[in-house]
Amino acid sequence: AKKLKGDGDAYENVPASALRVGDV
């Protein structure tokens, strides 16, 4: 997943298994 940092366009690549409810 490309998990967004804050409200901007910056993101970090993380495993899908690391995502939690509310992440964008």
PDB file of all heavy atoms in Angstrom:
ATOM      1  N   ALA A   1       0.827  -1.203   0.000  1.00  0.00           N
ATOM      2  CA  ALA A   1       0.000   0.000   0.000  1.00  0.00           C
ATOM      3  C   ALA A   1       0.859   1.249   0.000  1.00  0.00           C
ATOM      4  O   ALA A   1       1.952   1.268   0.576  1.00  0.00           O
ATOM      5  CB  ALA A   1      -0.917  -0.003   1.225  1.00  0.00           C
ATOM      6  N   LYS A   2       0.347   2.308  -0.652  1.00  0.00           N
ATOM      7  CA  LYS A   2       0.958   3.628  -0.604  1.00  0.00           C
ATOM      8  C   LYS A   2       0.209   4.433   0.451  1.00  0.00           C
ATOM      9  O   LYS A   2      -0.776   5.114   0.165  1.00  0.00           O
ATOM     10  CB  LYS A   2       0.877   4.302  -1.967  1.00  0.00           C
ATOM     11  CG  LYS A   2       1.629   3.558  -3.069  1.00  0.00           C
ATOM     12  CD  LYS A   2       1.378   4.175  -4.442  1.00  0.00           C
ATOM     13  CE  LYS A   2       2.133   3.420  -5.524  1.00  0.00           C
ATOM     14  NZ  LYS A   2       1.817   3.940  -6.885  1.00  0.00           N
ATOM     15  N   LYS A   3       0.668   4.319   1.687  1.00  0.00           N
ATOM     16  CA  LYS A   3      -0.006   4.972   2.804  1.00  0.00           C
ATOM     17  C   LYS A   3       0.371   6.450   2.834  1.00  0.00           C
ATOM     18  O   LYS A   3       1.547   6.815   2.896  1.00  0.00           O
ATOM     19  CB  LYS A   3       0.398   4.291   4.112  1.00  0.00           C
ATOM     20  CG  LYS A   3      -0.269   4.888   5.339  1.00  0.00           C
ATOM     21  CD  LYS A   3       0.192   4.168   6.589  1.00  0.00           C
ATOM     22  CE  LYS A   3      -0.386   4.819   7.846  1.00  0.00           C
ATOM     23  NZ  LYS A   3       0.114   4.153   9.080  1.00  0.00           N
ATOM     24  N   LEU A   4      -0.662   7.312   2.791  1.00  0.00           N
ATOM     25  CA  LEU A   4      -0.428   8.749   2.739  1.00  0.00           C
ATOM     26  C   LEU A   4       0.000   9.287   4.102  1.00  0.00           C
ATOM     27  O   LEU A   4      -0.486   8.836   5.155  1.00  0.00           O
ATOM     28  CB  LEU A   4      -1.691   9.468   2.277  1.00  0.00           C
ATOM     29  CG  LEU A   4      -2.056   9.261   0.798  1.00  0.00           C
ATOM     30  CD1 LEU A   4      -3.460   9.759   0.524  1.00  0.00           C
ATOM     31  CD2 LEU A   4      -1.051   9.954  -0.113  1.00  0.00           C
ATOM     32  N   LYS A   5       0.898  10.264   4.061  1.00  0.00           N
ATOM     33  CA  LYS A   5       1.354  10.938   5.278  1.00  0.00           C
ATOM     34  C   LYS A   5       0.644  12.271   5.384  1.00  0.00           C
ATOM     35  O   LYS A   5       0.910  13.204   4.625  1.00  0.00           O
ATOM     36  CB  LYS A   5       2.867  11.173   5.225  1.00  0.00           C
ATOM     37  CG  LYS A   5       3.686   9.898   5.100  1.00  0.00           C
ATOM     38  CD  LYS A   5       5.167  10.236   4.991  1.00  0.00           C
ATOM     39  CE  LYS A   5       6.024   8.994   4.892  1.00  0.00           C
ATOM     40  NZ  LYS A   5       7.472   9.337   4.778  1.00  0.00           N
ATOM     41  N   GLY A   6      -0.293  12.383   6.300  1.00  0.00           N
ATOM     42  CA  GLY A   6      -1.015  13.642   6.464  1.00  0.00           C
ATOM     43  C   GLY A   6      -1.953  13.900   5.306  1.00  0.00           C
ATOM     44  O   GLY A   6      -2.458  12.991   4.654  1.00  0.00           O
ATOM     45  N   ASP A   7      -2.160  15.200   4.989  1.00  0.00           N
ATOM     46  CA  ASP A   7      -3.108  15.584   3.959  1.00  0.00           C
ATOM     47  C   ASP A   7      -2.461  15.820   2.602  1.00  0.00           C
ATOM     48  O   ASP A   7      -3.159  16.112   1.625  1.00  0.00           O
ATOM     49  CB  ASP A   7      -3.846  16.868   4.379  1.00  0.00           C
ATOM     50  CG  ASP A   7      -4.673  16.655   5.641  1.00  0.00           C
ATOM     51  OD1 ASP A   7      -5.140  15.514   5.831  1.00  0.00           O
ATOM     52  OD2 ASP A   7      -4.827  17.615   6.411  1.00  0.00           O
ATOM     53  N   GLY A   8      -1.153  15.724   2.520  1.00  0.00           N
ATOM     54  CA  GLY A   8      -0.466  15.987   1.263  1.00  0.00           C
ATOM     55  C   GLY A   8      -0.405  14.773   0.367  1.00  0.00           C
ATOM     56  O   GLY A   8      -1.138  13.798   0.534  1.00  0.00           O
ATOM     57  N   ASP A   9       0.522  14.834  -0.622  1.00  0.00           N
ATOM     58  CA  ASP A   9       0.675  13.742  -1.581  1.00  0.00           C
ATOM     59  C   ASP A   9       1.784  12.779  -1.195  1.00  0.00           C
ATOM     60  O   ASP A   9       1.984  11.765  -1.875  1.00  0.00           O
ATOM     61  CB  ASP A   9       0.977  14.318  -2.975  1.00  0.00           C
ATOM     62  CG  ASP A   9      -0.202  15.131  -3.510  1.00  0.00           C
ATOM     63  OD1 ASP A   9      -1.345  14.798  -3.149  1.00  0.00           O
ATOM     64  OD2 ASP A   9       0.032  16.084  -4.279  1.00  0.00           O
ATOM     65  N   ALA A  10       2.511  13.085  -0.133  1.00  0.00           N
ATOM     66  CA  ALA A  10       3.619  12.214   0.279  1.00  0.00           C
ATOM     67  C   ALA A  10       3.077  10.905   0.840  1.00  0.00           C
ATOM     68  O   ALA A  10       2.072  10.889   1.556  1.00  0.00           O
ATOM     69  CB  ALA A  10       4.479  12.922   1.327  1.00  0.00           C
ATOM     70  N   TYR A  11       3.756   9.810   0.502  1.00  0.00           N
ATOM     71  CA  TYR A  11       3.314   8.498   0.991  1.00  0.00           C
ATOM     72  C   TYR A  11       4.516   7.605   1.244  1.00  0.00           C
ATOM     73  O   TYR A  11       5.642   7.893   0.819  1.00  0.00           O
ATOM     74  CB  TYR A  11       2.367   7.835  -0.012  1.00  0.00           C
ATOM     75  CG  TYR A  11       2.988   7.504  -1.349  1.00  0.00           C
ATOM     76  CD1 TYR A  11       3.726   6.327  -1.539  1.00  0.00           C
ATOM     77  CD2 TYR A  11       2.837   8.356  -2.454  1.00  0.00           C
ATOM     78  CE1 TYR A  11       4.294   6.024  -2.770  1.00  0.00           C
ATOM     79  CE2 TYR A  11       3.401   8.065  -3.680  1.00  0.00           C
ATOM     80  CZ  TYR A  11       4.122   6.892  -3.839  1.00  0.00           C
ATOM     81  OH  TYR A  11       4.688   6.593  -5.048  1.00  0.00           O
ATOM     82  N   GLU A  12       4.257   6.529   1.955  1.00  0.00           N
ATOM     83  CA  GLU A  12       5.275   5.512   2.200  1.00  0.00           C
ATOM     84  C   GLU A  12       4.709   4.152   1.815  1.00  0.00           C
ATOM     85  O   GLU A  12       3.515   3.887   1.972  1.00  0.00           O
ATOM     86  CB  GLU A  12       5.685   5.495   3.674  1.00  0.00           C
ATOM     87  CG  GLU A  12       4.530   5.228   4.648  1.00  0.00           C
ATOM     88  CD  GLU A  12       4.992   5.173   6.093  1.00  0.00           C
ATOM     89  OE1 GLU A  12       6.150   4.807   6.311  1.00  0.00           O
ATOM     90  OE2 GLU A  12       4.179   5.493   6.989  1.00  0.00           O
ATOM     91  N   ASN A  13       5.552   3.287   1.276  1.00  0.00           N
ATOM     92  CA  ASN A  13       5.132   1.942   0.904  1.00  0.00           C
ATOM     93  C   ASN A  13       5.155   1.042   2.138  1.00  0.00           C
ATOM     94  O   ASN A  13       6.187   0.928   2.808  1.00  0.00           O
ATOM     95  CB  ASN A  13       6.052   1.372  -0.176  1.00  0.00           C
ATOM     96  CG  ASN A  13       5.839   2.056  -1.517  1.00  0.00           C
ATOM     97  OD1 ASN A  13       4.727   2.119  -2.022  1.00  0.00           O
ATOM     98  ND2 ASN A  13       6.909   2.586  -2.091  1.00  0.00           N
ATOM     99  N   VAL A  14       4.024   0.430   2.429  1.00  0.00           N
ATOM    100  CA  VAL A  14       3.920  -0.462   3.586  1.00  0.00           C
ATOM    101  C   VAL A  14       3.178  -1.728   3.163  1.00  0.00           C
ATOM    102  O   VAL A  14       2.405  -1.713   2.200  1.00  0.00           O
ATOM    103  CB  VAL A  14       3.158   0.206   4.757  1.00  0.00           C
ATOM    104  CG1 VAL A  14       3.874   1.467   5.221  1.00  0.00           C
ATOM    105  CG2 VAL A  14       1.720   0.519   4.361  1.00  0.00           C
ATOM    106  N   PRO A  15       3.374  -2.849   3.865  1.00  0.00           N
ATOM    107  CA  PRO A  15       2.577  -4.048   3.583  1.00  0.00           C
ATOM    108  C   PRO A  15       1.109  -3.790   3.898  1.00  0.00           C
ATOM    109  O   PRO A  15       0.783  -3.049   4.825  1.00  0.00           O
ATOM    110  CB  PRO A  15       3.174  -5.102   4.529  1.00  0.00           C
ATOM    111  CG  PRO A  15       4.480  -4.554   4.968  1.00  0.00           C
ATOM    112  CD  PRO A  15       4.365  -3.065   4.936  1.00  0.00           C
ATOM    113  N   ALA A  16       0.238  -4.398   3.128  1.00  0.00           N
ATOM    114  CA  ALA A  16      -1.199  -4.217   3.370  1.00  0.00           C
ATOM    115  C   ALA A  16      -1.590  -4.686   4.769  1.00  0.00           C
ATOM    116  O   ALA A  16      -2.529  -4.155   5.364  1.00  0.00           O
ATOM    117  CB  ALA A  16      -2.006  -4.971   2.315  1.00  0.00           C
ATOM    118  N   SER A  17      -0.857  -5.659   5.281  1.00  0.00           N
ATOM    119  CA  SER A  17      -1.160  -6.184   6.614  1.00  0.00           C
ATOM    120  C   SER A  17      -0.899  -5.168   7.721  1.00  0.00           C
ATOM    121  O   SER A  17      -1.336  -5.344   8.854  1.00  0.00           O
ATOM    122  CB  SER A  17      -0.350  -7.453   6.883  1.00  0.00           C
ATOM    123  OG  SER A  17       1.038  -7.181   6.767  1.00  0.00           O
ATOM    124  N   ALA A  18      -0.166  -4.077   7.383  1.00  0.00           N
ATOM    125  CA  ALA A  18       0.135  -3.052   8.388  1.00  0.00           C
ATOM    126  C   ALA A  18      -0.934  -1.964   8.445  1.00  0.00           C
ATOM    127  O   ALA A  18      -0.886  -1.087   9.308  1.00  0.00           O
ATOM    128  CB  ALA A  18       1.497  -2.422   8.091  1.00  0.00           C
ATOM    129  N   LEU A  19      -1.896  -1.996   7.529  1.00  0.00           N
ATOM    130  CA  LEU A  19      -2.935  -0.966   7.496  1.00  0.00           C
ATOM    131  C   LEU A  19      -3.956  -1.172   8.601  1.00  0.00           C
ATOM    132  O   LEU A  19      -4.252  -2.305   8.984  1.00  0.00           O
ATOM    133  CB  LEU A  19      -3.641  -0.976   6.135  1.00  0.00           C
ATOM    134  CG  LEU A  19      -2.790  -0.617   4.917  1.00  0.00           C
ATOM    135  CD1 LEU A  19      -3.579  -0.812   3.636  1.00  0.00           C
ATOM    136  CD2 LEU A  19      -2.279   0.820   5.019  1.00  0.00           C
ATOM    137  N   ARG A  20      -4.478  -0.075   9.093  1.00  0.00           N
ATOM    138  CA  ARG A  20      -5.489  -0.114  10.134  1.00  0.00           C
ATOM    139  C   ARG A  20      -6.675   0.769   9.734  1.00  0.00           C
ATOM    140  O   ARG A  20      -6.560   1.616   8.835  1.00  0.00           O
ATOM    141  CB  ARG A  20      -4.924   0.364  11.478  1.00  0.00           C
ATOM    142  CG  ARG A  20      -3.826  -0.530  12.044  1.00  0.00           C
ATOM    143  CD  ARG A  20      -4.386  -1.891  12.443  1.00  0.00           C
ATOM    144  NE  ARG A  20      -3.385  -2.764  13.046  1.00  0.00           N
ATOM    145  CZ  ARG A  20      -2.603  -3.593  12.383  1.00  0.00           C
ATOM    146  NH1 ARG A  20      -2.697  -3.659  11.046  1.00  0.00           N
ATOM    147  NH2 ARG A  20      -1.745  -4.364  13.013  1.00  0.00           N
ATOM    148  N   VAL A  21      -7.803   0.569  10.397  1.00  0.00           N
ATOM    149  CA  VAL A  21      -9.000   1.364  10.116  1.00  0.00           C
ATOM    150  C   VAL A  21      -8.669   2.848  10.245  1.00  0.00           C
ATOM    151  O   VAL A  21      -8.067   3.277  11.230  1.00  0.00           O
ATOM    152  CB  VAL A  21     -10.140   0.986  11.083  1.00  0.00           C
ATOM    153  CG1 VAL A  21     -11.320   1.932  10.911  1.00  0.00           C
ATOM    154  CG2 VAL A  21     -10.580  -0.453  10.854  1.00  0.00           C
ATOM    155  N   GLY A  22      -9.067   3.621   9.238  1.00  0.00           N
ATOM    156  CA  GLY A  22      -8.835   5.055   9.257  1.00  0.00           C
ATOM    157  C   GLY A  22      -7.655   5.497   8.418  1.00  0.00           C
ATOM    158  O   GLY A  22      -7.566   6.674   8.051  1.00  0.00           O
ATOM    159  N   ASP A  23      -6.726   4.581   8.107  1.00  0.00           N
ATOM    160  CA  ASP A  23      -5.600   4.936   7.246  1.00  0.00           C
ATOM    161  C   ASP A  23      -6.109   5.295   5.854  1.00  0.00           C
ATOM    162  O   ASP A  23      -7.122   4.746   5.383  1.00  0.00           O
ATOM    163  CB  ASP A  23      -4.612   3.772   7.129  1.00  0.00           C
ATOM    164  CG  ASP A  23      -3.850   3.531   8.427  1.00  0.00           C
ATOM    165  OD1 ASP A  23      -3.842   4.439   9.278  1.00  0.00           O
ATOM    166  OD2 ASP A  23      -3.278   2.434   8.588  1.00  0.00           O
ATOM    167  N   VAL A  24      -5.413   6.210   5.182  1.00  0.00           N
ATOM    168  CA  VAL A  24      -5.777   6.608   3.821  1.00  0.00           C
ATOM    169  C   VAL A  24      -4.628   6.228   2.897  1.00  0.00           C
ATOM    170  O   VAL A  24      -3.461   6.522   3.182  1.00  0.00           O
ATOM    171  CB  VAL A  24      -6.056   8.121   3.725  1.00  0.00           C
ATOM    172  CG1 VAL A  24      -6.397   8.510   2.289  1.00  0.00           C
ATOM    173  CG2 VAL A  24      -7.214   8.498   4.651  1.00  0.00           C
TER     174      VAL A  24
END
